[in-house]
C-alpha atoms as a PDB file:
ATOM      1  CA  LEU A   1       0.000   0.000   0.000  1.00  0.00           C
ATOM      2  CA  GLU A   2       1.408   3.403  -1.009  1.00  0.00           C
ATOM      3  CA  CYS A   3       0.346   6.900  -0.046  1.00  0.00           C
ATOM      4  CA  HIS A   4      -0.224   9.327  -2.937  1.00  0.00           C
ATOM      5  CA  ALA A   5      -1.045  13.007  -2.472  1.00  0.00           C
ATOM      6  CA  GLY A   6      -2.524  15.559  -4.815  1.00  0.00           C
ATOM      7  CA  HIS A   7      -5.357  17.913  -5.680  1.00  0.00           C
ATOM      8  CA  GLY A   8      -4.715  21.547  -4.962  1.00  0.00           C
ATOM      9  CA  LEU A   9      -0.916  21.376  -4.808  1.00  0.00           C
ATOM     10  CA  THR A  10       0.882  24.549  -5.895  1.00  0.00           C
ATOM     11  CA  TYR A  11       4.397  25.974  -5.686  1.00  0.00           C
ATOM     12  CA  ASP A  12       3.440  27.436  -2.309  1.00  0.00           C
ATOM     13  CA  ASN A  13       2.173  24.291  -0.610  1.00  0.00           C
ATOM     14  CA  VAL A  14       3.928  21.364  -2.310  1.00  0.00           C
ATOM     15  CA  GLY A  15       7.010  21.548  -0.070  1.00  0.00           C
ATOM     16  CA  PRO A  16       5.423  20.431   3.201  1.00  0.00           C
ATOM     17  CA  VAL A  17       3.528  17.636   1.432  1.00  0.00           C
ATOM     18  CA  ALA A  18       6.622  16.442  -0.459  1.00  0.00           C
ATOM     19  CA  ALA A  19       8.522  16.387   2.837  1.00  0.00           C
ATOM     20  CA  ILE A  20       6.232  13.699   4.275  1.00  0.00           C
ATOM     21  CA  PRO A  21       8.404  10.578   4.036  1.00  0.00           C
ATOM     22  CA  THR A  22       5.500   8.159   3.539  1.00  0.00           C
ATOM     23  CA  VAL A  23       4.156   9.962   0.444  1.00  0.00           C
ATOM     24  CA  ALA A  24       5.299   7.917  -2.566  1.00  0.00           C
ATOM     25  CA  GLU A  25       3.788  10.038  -5.355  1.00  0.00           C
ATOM     26  CA  LEU A  26       2.455  13.550  -5.916  1.00  0.00           C
ATOM     27  CA  ASN A  27      -0.286  14.267  -8.474  1.00  0.00           C
ATOM     28  CA  ILE A  28      -0.083  17.867  -9.673  1.00  0.00           C
ATOM     29  CA  GLY A  29      -1.762  17.969 -13.080  1.00  0.00           C
ATOM     30  CA  HIS A  30      -4.301  20.796 -12.955  1.00  0.00           C
ATOM     31  CA  PHE A  31      -2.012  23.417 -11.433  1.00  0.00           C
ATOM     32  CA  LEU A  32       0.794  22.700 -13.914  1.00  0.00           C
ATOM     33  CA  VAL A  33      -1.478  22.994 -16.940  1.00  0.00           C
ATOM     34  CA  GLY A  34      -2.812  26.327 -15.690  1.00  0.00           C
ATOM     35  CA  GLU A  35       0.660  27.628 -14.858  1.00  0.00           C
ATOM     36  CA  ALA A  36       1.969  26.482 -18.251  1.00  0.00           C
ATOM     37  CA  ILE A  37      -0.337  28.976 -19.953  1.00  0.00           C
ATOM     38  CA  PHE A  38       1.779  31.749 -18.429  1.00  0.00           C
ATOM     39  CA  VAL A  39       5.317  30.317 -18.303  1.00  0.00           C
ATOM     40  CA  GLY A  40       5.297  27.310 -20.657  1.00  0.00           C
ATOM     41  CA  PHE A  41       4.994  23.659 -19.722  1.00  0.00           C
ATOM     42  CA  VAL A  42       8.724  22.950 -19.402  1.00  0.00           C
ATOM     43  CA  GLU A  43       9.258  25.920 -17.068  1.00  0.00           C
ATOM     44  CA  ALA A  44       6.190  25.085 -14.967  1.00  0.00           C
ATOM     45  CA  VAL A  45       7.425  21.519 -14.468  1.00  0.00           C
ATOM     46  CA  ARG A  46      10.970  22.733 -13.734  1.00  0.00           C
ATOM     47  CA  ARG A  47       9.713  25.081 -11.021  1.00  0.00           C
ATOM     48  CA  MET A  48       7.483  22.437  -9.442  1.00  0.00           C
ATOM     49  CA  ARG A  49      10.249  19.839  -9.490  1.00  0.00           C
ATOM     50  CA  ALA A  50      12.618  22.323  -7.833  1.00  0.00           C
ATOM     51  CA  ALA A  51      10.062  23.003  -5.078  1.00  0.00           C
ATOM     52  CA  MET A  52       9.606  19.265  -4.520  1.00  0.00           C
ATOM     53  CA  ASP A  53      13.354  18.576  -4.507  1.00  0.00           C
ATOM     54  CA  ARG A  54      13.993  21.312  -1.932  1.00  0.00           C
ATOM     55  CA  ALA A  55      11.558  19.563   0.410  1.00  0.00           C
ATOM     56  CA  ARG A  56      13.107  16.125   0.054  1.00  0.00           C
END
């Protein structure tokens, strides 16, 4: 059994969730698609990955 987290995750709140050691996967689709409209998909993913990596 794995713990997955998602729905409503943004650059501002993904860090504390990503820091939970028992969370195996984060689902962040809707926010990234919306953010990609403004900064491009590659940049939106890069920023989110950086926020997640800082927490782990």
